[in-house]
């Protein structure tokens, strides 16, 4: 039982680490642009959505190699 509980806690810790990295990365990405990514995505700009999705996938690949 302790092993299962330990694995669940480990998964939750990695989930929180991943979410923190995604939020920090998105904030850095949106600060470096001359336009508002949230507004562009709200206006159905597919290129902005693909760019953000690619950024999230890249962070996920990097995190999977590190963790």
Foldseek 3Di string as FASTA:
>chain_A
DVVVVVVVVVVVVLVVVLVVVLVVVVVVVQVPDPDGLVVCVVVVPVVSVVVSVVVSVVSVVVVVVVD
